[in-house]
Amino acid sequence: MRVVHATLDGNLPRYGIGLAVVRLCGALAARGHDVTLLARAEGAREVAARALAPGVRVVGLEHVRGWWGGRRGYVAQLRRAVAPRADVVHAHTLTRLARWLVPARARRGAPLVVTAHASDELGPAASAAGGVPGARARRHARHVARVLARAAEVVAPSRWMADRVAAVAGRAVHAIGLGATEDVASDVRAHEGFTVLVLGRLVVEKGVDLLLEGFARGLGDDPTATLVVAGDGPERAALERRAAERAPGRVRFVGYAEGAARRALLADADVVAVPTRGDYETFGLAALDASAAGVALLVAGGGALPERVAAGEGRCVASGDPDAWARALRALRDDPAGRRRMGDAGRASARAQSWDASAAAHEALYATL
């Protein structure tokens, strides 16, 4: 089957949507499909240079300025890149790129599948911040409605997100999960003390400030407890200042970590925390990575995160409540046997949520078209 995947996600291929698209393309290619990935030029170059998607044809979409630039420039490149005999074109967004692909001529007549990865796209604008002018909000809503109405099939990465999209679209939405970030397992290593790890971008939505406060309140009297923050972003400086005030010498900021460095962090962790605010998370890749490594989880109770601990992989914590995080951290510190049970449940759960399983589910969906 000839499948074209398209994304303009700026995080390709490091994390989030971009990482998920790269891994799915690679898994489909491994199953024998002819796969093309269309992505922003800078991300496409990195994917190709690092051989992150073996067997996948990677095409970079350049930002073009001038009369034939902007939307026209991207659409022209999309038309050229979509093979005349593609069986499926799969867009990973609800707006912009998916909207450009709605006309059949833009995708050479191939059916359009759309994955709704981001919950904020269902809001008044494709922005977690919101607060946009009314005209833009109305235009955004029209674009989302058009894509959802005209796509051959709509996919979401979790049951929670599928239900949200279905409520907006008025149609069935397929819930197809993701796999762990990488296939190499992280083995838990014996170590001193109690280590809490958080993996993710340092932005307000990720709630790292809430976790930091909960850590200070719950484990401030335990000199053996450490919070490790693996990630980067605009909130890092403010978080470092807060850590120096609330838990001096007890919080380590190690920056963005991948590959062996990321596996080492997971191997030395007793708990991985995902403190995201509200309903922002539509799957929770960091949580699945923790489960794959056999590490107990603490997740906020919003969005799709409760699904990550539904089989006993960890516990849910009230979103936005530092005192709840403090109590949960103390409870897990004092329950090593419980952490081992959660880690075992996580490994079993992660084995069932592989990229090959995700590719097989997508393969079955494509076959119906």
Protein backbone atom coordinates (compact mmCIF):
# COMPACT_ATOMS: atom_id res chain seq x y z
CA MET A 1 0.00 0.00 0.00
CA ARG A 2 1.28 3.49 -0.88
CA VAL A 3 0.69 5.87 2.04
CA VAL A 4 1.63 9.54 2.30
CA HIS A 5 1.86 11.08 5.79
CA ALA A 6 1.98 14.86 6.13
CA THR A 7 2.73 17.12 9.11
CA LEU A 8 3.89 20.67 9.69
CA ASP A 9 4.58 20.03 13.37
CA GLY A 10 7.61 22.06 14.45
CA ASN A 11 8.74 19.46 16.99
CA LEU A 12 9.60 16.84 14.38
CA PRO A 13 11.31 14.52 15.15
CA ARG A 14 12.12 15.12 18.83
CA TYR A 15 8.85 14.79 20.75
CA GLY A 16 5.08 15.09 20.66
CA ILE A 17 3.22 14.93 17.37
CA GLY A 18 6.38 15.06 15.28
CA LEU A 19 7.91 12.07 17.06
CA ALA A 20 4.65 10.11 16.79
CA VAL A 21 4.41 10.69 13.03
CA VAL A 22 8.02 9.61 12.43
CA ARG A 23 7.61 6.42 14.48
CA LEU A 24 4.31 5.52 12.80
CA CYS A 25 5.84 5.98 9.34
CA GLY A 26 8.76 3.76 10.29
CA ALA A 27 6.45 1.05 11.67
CA LEU A 28 4.31 1.08 8.51
CA ALA A 29 7.42 0.80 6.33
CA ALA A 30 8.60 -2.14 8.44
CA ARG A 31 5.30 -3.86 7.65
CA GLY A 32 6.08 -3.61 3.93
CA HIS A 33 4.22 -0.46 2.91
CA ASP A 34 5.51 2.24 0.56
CA VAL A 35 5.57 5.26 2.91
CA THR A 36 6.31 8.91 2.17
CA LEU A 37 6.66 11.52 4.93
CA LEU A 38 6.02 15.17 4.05
CA ALA A 39 7.29 17.57 6.73
CA ARG A 40 8.84 20.96 7.25
CA ALA A 41 12.21 21.05 5.56
CA GLU A 42 14.29 21.46 8.71
CA GLY A 43 12.63 18.51 10.44
CA ALA A 44 12.74 16.37 7.30
CA ARG A 45 16.49 16.96 6.99
CA GLU A 46 17.04 15.82 10.57
CA VAL A 47 14.93 12.69 10.10
CA ALA A 48 16.88 11.78 6.95
CA ALA A 49 20.30 12.64 8.37
CA ARG A 50 19.77 10.54 11.50
CA ALA A 51 18.03 7.68 9.66
CA LEU A 52 15.13 7.87 12.11
CA ALA A 53 12.59 6.31 9.72
CA PRO A 54 14.23 3.44 7.80
CA GLY A 55 12.53 2.66 4.51
CA VAL A 56 10.55 5.92 4.49
CA ARG A 57 10.87 8.48 1.69
CA VAL A 58 11.22 11.86 3.43
CA VAL A 59 10.29 15.04 1.56
CA GLY A 60 10.93 18.50 3.00
CA LEU A 61 8.35 21.25 2.50
CA GLU A 62 10.11 24.59 2.17
CA HIS A 63 8.59 27.84 3.41
CA VAL A 64 8.29 29.96 0.27
CA ARG A 65 7.89 33.74 0.37
CA GLY A 66 6.47 36.05 -2.29
CA TRP A 67 3.45 35.77 -4.60
CA TRP A 68 3.68 31.99 -4.80
CA GLY A 69 4.66 31.60 -1.18
CA GLY A 70 2.70 30.94 2.01
CA ARG A 71 -0.29 28.68 1.53
CA ARG A 72 0.15 28.58 -2.27
CA GLY A 73 3.77 27.54 -1.92
CA TYR A 74 2.95 24.69 0.46
CA VAL A 75 -0.02 23.45 -1.59
CA ALA A 76 2.04 23.38 -4.78
CA GLN A 77 4.71 21.30 -3.02
CA LEU A 78 2.09 18.95 -1.56
CA ARG A 79 0.61 18.31 -5.01
CA ARG A 80 4.03 17.55 -6.46
CA ALA A 81 5.03 15.28 -3.57
CA VAL A 82 1.85 13.17 -3.43
CA ALA A 83 2.48 10.29 -5.80
CA PRO A 84 -0.10 9.98 -8.60
CA ARG A 85 -1.01 6.51 -7.38
CA ALA A 86 -1.04 7.03 -3.61
CA ASP A 87 -3.61 4.83 -1.89
CA VAL A 88 -4.04 7.05 1.19
CA VAL A 89 -3.00 10.55 2.25
CA HIS A 90 -2.84 10.93 6.03
CA ALA A 91 -2.68 14.44 7.56
CA HIS A 92 -1.67 14.87 11.20
CA THR A 93 -3.62 18.00 12.10
CA LEU A 94 -7.15 19.39 11.99
CA THR A 95 -6.28 22.74 10.46
CA ARG A 96 -4.05 24.36 7.88
CA LEU A 97 -2.31 21.40 6.23
CA ALA A 98 -5.39 19.16 6.48
CA ARG A 99 -7.55 21.97 5.13
CA TRP A 100 -5.20 22.39 2.18
CA LEU A 101 -5.54 18.66 1.46
CA VAL A 102 -9.34 18.59 1.56
CA PRO A 103 -9.72 19.25 -2.21
CA ALA A 104 -9.28 15.95 -4.04
CA ARG A 105 -6.94 17.50 -6.61
CA ALA A 106 -4.45 18.42 -3.83
CA ARG A 107 -4.01 14.76 -2.96
CA ARG A 108 -4.37 13.35 -6.49
CA GLY A 109 -7.71 11.77 -5.65
CA ALA A 110 -6.46 9.56 -2.80
CA PRO A 111 -8.74 9.29 0.27
CA LEU A 112 -7.87 11.61 3.18
CA VAL A 113 -7.35 10.32 6.72
CA VAL A 114 -6.91 12.89 9.48
CA THR A 115 -5.51 12.38 12.97
CA ALA A 116 -6.57 14.89 15.62
CA HIS A 117 -3.54 14.92 17.93
CA ALA A 118 -3.96 18.24 19.75
CA SER A 119 -6.92 19.08 21.98
CA ASP A 120 -6.38 22.83 21.62
CA GLU A 121 -7.29 22.58 17.93
CA LEU A 122 -10.87 21.96 19.01
CA GLY A 123 -10.94 25.30 20.84
CA PRO A 124 -11.41 28.81 19.45
CA ALA A 125 -7.93 28.73 17.83
CA ALA A 126 -5.08 26.31 17.27
CA SER A 127 -3.38 27.68 20.36
CA ALA A 128 -3.35 26.60 23.97
CA ALA A 129 -3.27 30.28 24.93
CA GLY A 130 -6.55 31.15 23.17
CA GLY A 131 -7.68 34.74 23.44
CA VAL A 132 -7.79 35.34 19.68
CA PRO A 133 -10.01 37.85 17.86
CA GLY A 134 -13.55 36.68 17.20
CA ALA A 135 -13.15 36.66 13.41
CA ARG A 136 -10.14 34.37 13.62
CA ALA A 137 -11.90 32.07 16.06
CA ARG A 138 -14.90 31.74 13.76
CA ARG A 139 -12.65 31.09 10.76
CA HIS A 140 -10.75 28.44 12.71
CA ALA A 141 -14.00 26.71 13.71
CA ARG A 142 -15.14 26.64 10.07
CA HIS A 143 -11.85 25.10 8.97
CA VAL A 144 -12.04 22.38 11.63
CA ALA A 145 -15.66 21.60 10.73
CA ARG A 146 -14.81 21.34 7.02
CA VAL A 147 -11.91 18.96 7.61
CA LEU A 148 -13.91 16.75 9.98
CA ALA A 149 -16.84 16.63 7.57
CA ARG A 150 -14.84 15.84 4.43
CA ALA A 151 -12.12 13.47 5.66
CA ALA A 152 -12.71 9.84 4.71
CA GLU A 153 -11.78 8.75 8.25
CA VAL A 154 -10.84 10.55 11.46
CA VAL A 155 -8.42 9.14 14.05
CA ALA A 156 -7.44 10.17 17.59
CA PRO A 157 -4.64 8.75 19.78
CA SER A 158 -6.81 7.92 22.82
CA ARG A 159 -10.39 7.05 23.73
CA TRP A 160 -10.73 10.38 25.56
CA MET A 161 -9.66 12.39 22.52
CA ALA A 162 -11.77 10.27 20.17
CA ASP A 163 -14.85 11.07 22.25
CA ARG A 164 -14.05 14.80 22.21
CA VAL A 165 -13.55 14.89 18.47
CA ALA A 166 -16.67 12.79 17.84
CA ALA A 167 -18.74 15.27 19.84
CA VAL A 168 -17.54 18.10 17.58
CA ALA A 169 -17.60 16.13 14.32
CA GLY A 170 -20.89 14.29 14.80
CA ARG A 171 -19.32 11.16 13.37
CA ALA A 172 -17.40 8.09 14.47
CA VAL A 173 -13.74 8.62 15.35
CA HIS A 174 -11.22 5.78 15.59
CA ALA A 175 -9.05 5.59 18.72
CA ILE A 176 -5.63 4.24 17.71
CA GLY A 177 -2.92 4.48 20.33
CA LEU A 178 0.78 5.18 20.00
CA GLY A 179 3.90 3.25 21.03
CA ALA A 180 6.78 4.14 23.32
CA THR A 181 9.35 6.68 22.13
CA GLU A 182 11.95 4.02 21.38
CA ASP A 183 12.18 0.25 21.19
CA VAL A 184 15.27 -0.15 23.40
CA ALA A 185 14.17 -1.05 26.93
CA SER A 186 15.42 0.78 30.02
CA ASP A 187 16.20 -1.54 32.93
CA VAL A 188 15.61 -0.13 36.40
CA ARG A 189 18.90 0.17 38.30
CA ALA A 190 19.42 -0.02 42.06
CA HIS A 191 20.31 3.37 43.51
CA GLU A 192 20.29 5.35 46.72
CA GLY A 193 17.51 7.70 47.71
CA PHE A 194 14.20 8.45 46.04
CA THR A 195 14.20 10.02 42.55
CA VAL A 196 11.24 11.67 40.85
CA LEU A 197 11.62 12.28 37.12
CA VAL A 198 9.61 14.56 34.85
CA LEU A 199 10.06 14.43 31.06
CA GLY A 200 8.66 17.15 28.83
CA ARG A 201 8.72 20.65 27.46
CA LEU A 202 9.02 23.37 30.08
CA VAL A 203 5.86 25.29 29.22
CA VAL A 204 3.02 26.39 31.47
CA GLU A 205 0.64 23.68 30.21
CA LYS A 206 2.95 20.90 31.37
CA GLY A 207 2.51 21.90 35.04
CA VAL A 208 6.11 21.34 36.17
CA ASP A 209 5.72 24.25 38.61
CA LEU A 210 2.90 22.34 40.34
CA LEU A 211 5.05 19.24 40.67
CA LEU A 212 7.97 21.28 41.99
CA GLU A 213 5.76 22.82 44.68
CA GLY A 214 4.31 19.43 45.56
CA PHE A 215 7.82 17.98 45.80
CA ALA A 216 8.91 20.80 48.14
CA ARG A 217 5.85 20.34 50.37
CA GLY A 218 5.84 16.56 50.40
CA LEU A 219 9.53 15.66 50.41
CA GLY A 220 11.16 18.84 51.67
CA ASP A 221 12.19 17.10 54.87
CA ASP A 222 13.79 14.14 53.03
CA PRO A 223 17.42 14.90 52.07
CA THR A 224 17.58 11.70 50.01
CA ALA A 225 14.78 12.76 47.64
CA THR A 226 15.64 14.36 44.29
CA LEU A 227 13.53 15.84 41.51
CA VAL A 228 15.07 15.55 38.03
CA VAL A 229 13.62 17.80 35.32
CA ALA A 230 14.47 16.58 31.81
CA GLY A 231 13.31 19.06 29.23
CA ASP A 232 13.69 22.60 28.01
CA GLY A 233 11.49 25.53 27.15
CA PRO A 234 10.53 29.11 27.98
CA GLU A 235 9.67 28.33 31.62
CA ARG A 236 13.07 26.88 32.50
CA ALA A 237 14.61 30.03 34.05
CA ALA A 238 11.54 30.68 36.21
CA LEU A 239 11.46 27.06 37.34
CA GLU A 240 15.15 27.12 38.25
CA ARG A 241 14.59 30.21 40.39
CA ARG A 242 11.60 28.60 42.07
CA ALA A 243 13.56 25.40 42.74
CA ALA A 244 16.37 27.40 44.37
CA GLU A 245 13.81 29.00 46.70
CA ARG A 246 11.64 25.99 47.55
CA ALA A 247 14.02 23.00 47.36
CA PRO A 248 17.62 24.27 47.21
CA GLY A 249 20.07 21.66 45.98
CA ARG A 250 17.35 19.06 45.53
CA VAL A 251 16.23 19.72 41.94
CA ARG A 252 18.38 18.93 38.90
CA PHE A 253 17.66 20.46 35.49
CA VAL A 254 19.33 18.28 32.85
CA GLY A 255 17.84 19.75 29.65
CA TYR A 256 16.35 17.84 26.76
CA ALA A 257 17.44 14.18 26.80
CA GLU A 258 17.07 11.47 24.19
CA GLY A 259 18.54 8.08 23.35
CA ALA A 260 20.96 6.63 25.89
CA ALA A 261 20.76 9.71 28.12
CA ARG A 262 16.98 9.42 28.35
CA ARG A 263 17.15 5.69 29.04
CA ALA A 264 19.66 6.30 31.84
CA LEU A 265 17.33 8.83 33.48
CA LEU A 266 14.44 6.36 33.34
CA ALA A 267 16.62 3.57 34.73
CA ASP A 268 17.50 5.68 37.77
CA ALA A 269 13.97 6.92 38.47
CA ASP A 270 11.65 5.63 41.18
CA VAL A 271 8.64 7.56 39.86
CA VAL A 272 7.88 9.41 36.64
CA ALA A 273 5.45 12.29 37.14
CA VAL A 274 3.24 13.82 34.43
CA PRO A 275 1.68 16.89 36.09
CA THR A 276 0.04 18.44 33.00
CA ARG A 277 -2.61 21.06 33.67
CA GLY A 278 -6.22 20.45 32.63
CA ASP A 279 -7.15 18.43 29.56
CA TYR A 280 -4.06 19.20 27.51
CA GLU A 281 -2.67 15.66 27.07
CA THR A 282 -4.37 13.63 24.35
CA PHE A 283 -2.21 10.54 24.88
CA GLY A 284 0.80 10.91 27.21
CA LEU A 285 3.95 9.58 25.50
CA ALA A 286 6.16 10.33 28.51
CA ALA A 287 3.84 8.24 30.67
CA LEU A 288 3.99 5.30 28.25
CA ASP A 289 7.79 5.61 28.14
CA ALA A 290 7.86 5.31 31.93
CA SER A 291 5.69 2.20 31.80
CA ALA A 292 7.90 0.65 29.12
CA ALA A 293 10.87 1.22 31.44
CA GLY A 294 9.08 -0.40 34.38
CA VAL A 295 8.82 2.83 36.40
CA ALA A 296 5.79 3.70 38.55
CA LEU A 297 3.67 6.60 37.34
CA LEU A 298 1.97 9.60 38.89
CA VAL A 299 -0.23 11.39 36.35
CA ALA A 300 -2.59 14.34 36.53
CA GLY A 301 -6.25 13.44 36.26
CA GLY A 302 -7.00 15.39 33.07
CA GLY A 303 -7.32 14.53 29.41
CA ALA A 304 -6.17 11.07 28.33
CA LEU A 305 -3.67 10.63 31.19
CA PRO A 306 -5.98 8.43 33.33
CA GLU A 307 -5.89 5.90 30.46
CA ARG A 308 -2.14 5.53 31.02
CA VAL A 309 -2.70 4.12 34.52
CA ALA A 310 -5.94 2.23 33.91
CA ALA A 311 -4.21 -1.17 34.26
CA GLY A 312 -2.45 -0.37 37.53
CA GLU A 313 0.65 1.32 36.07
CA GLY A 314 0.41 4.14 38.61
CA ARG A 315 -1.93 6.63 40.23
CA CYS A 316 -3.91 9.71 39.21
CA VAL A 317 -3.43 12.96 41.10
CA ALA A 318 -5.89 15.86 41.16
CA SER A 319 -4.81 18.21 38.41
CA GLY A 320 -3.56 21.59 39.64
CA ASP A 321 -3.32 20.67 43.35
CA PRO A 322 0.26 20.80 44.79
CA ASP A 323 -0.92 19.31 48.10
CA ALA A 324 -2.31 16.28 46.25
CA TRP A 325 1.07 15.86 44.53
CA ALA A 326 2.82 16.13 47.90
CA ARG A 327 0.65 13.37 49.40
CA ALA A 328 1.04 11.11 46.36
CA LEU A 329 4.84 11.50 46.30
CA ARG A 330 5.14 10.67 50.01
CA ALA A 331 2.87 7.64 49.60
CA LEU A 332 4.94 6.21 46.75
CA ARG A 333 8.23 6.94 48.51
CA ASP A 334 6.98 4.85 51.44
CA ASP A 335 5.68 1.98 49.29
CA PRO A 336 8.54 0.35 47.31
CA ALA A 337 6.52 -2.86 46.89
CA GLY A 338 3.67 -0.88 45.36
CA ARG A 339 6.10 0.86 42.99
CA ARG A 340 7.39 -2.53 41.81
CA ARG A 341 3.83 -3.74 41.14
CA MET A 342 3.11 -0.61 39.14
CA GLY A 343 6.33 -1.04 37.18
CA ASP A 344 5.45 -4.65 36.33
CA ALA A 345 1.95 -3.63 35.24
CA GLY A 346 3.47 -0.86 33.14
CA ARG A 347 5.81 -3.18 31.27
CA ALA A 348 2.92 -5.50 30.42
CA SER A 349 0.76 -2.58 29.27
CA ALA A 350 3.54 -1.06 27.15
CA ARG A 351 4.14 -4.35 25.35
CA ALA A 352 0.54 -4.25 24.11
CA GLN A 353 0.89 -0.61 22.97
CA SER A 354 3.74 -0.98 20.49
CA TRP A 355 4.30 0.97 17.28
CA ASP A 356 3.77 -2.24 15.32
CA ALA A 357 0.34 -2.59 16.95
CA SER A 358 -0.44 1.03 16.06
CA ALA A 359 0.73 0.47 12.47
CA ALA A 360 -1.40 -2.68 12.20
CA ALA A 361 -4.50 -0.76 13.34
CA HIS A 362 -3.81 1.99 10.81
CA GLU A 363 -3.18 -0.63 8.12
CA ALA A 364 -6.60 -2.16 8.80
CA LEU A 365 -8.24 1.26 8.61
CA TYR A 366 -6.52 2.12 5.33
CA ALA A 367 -7.65 -1.20 3.84
CA THR A 368 -11.30 -0.18 4.29
CA LEU A 369 -10.69 2.80 1.96
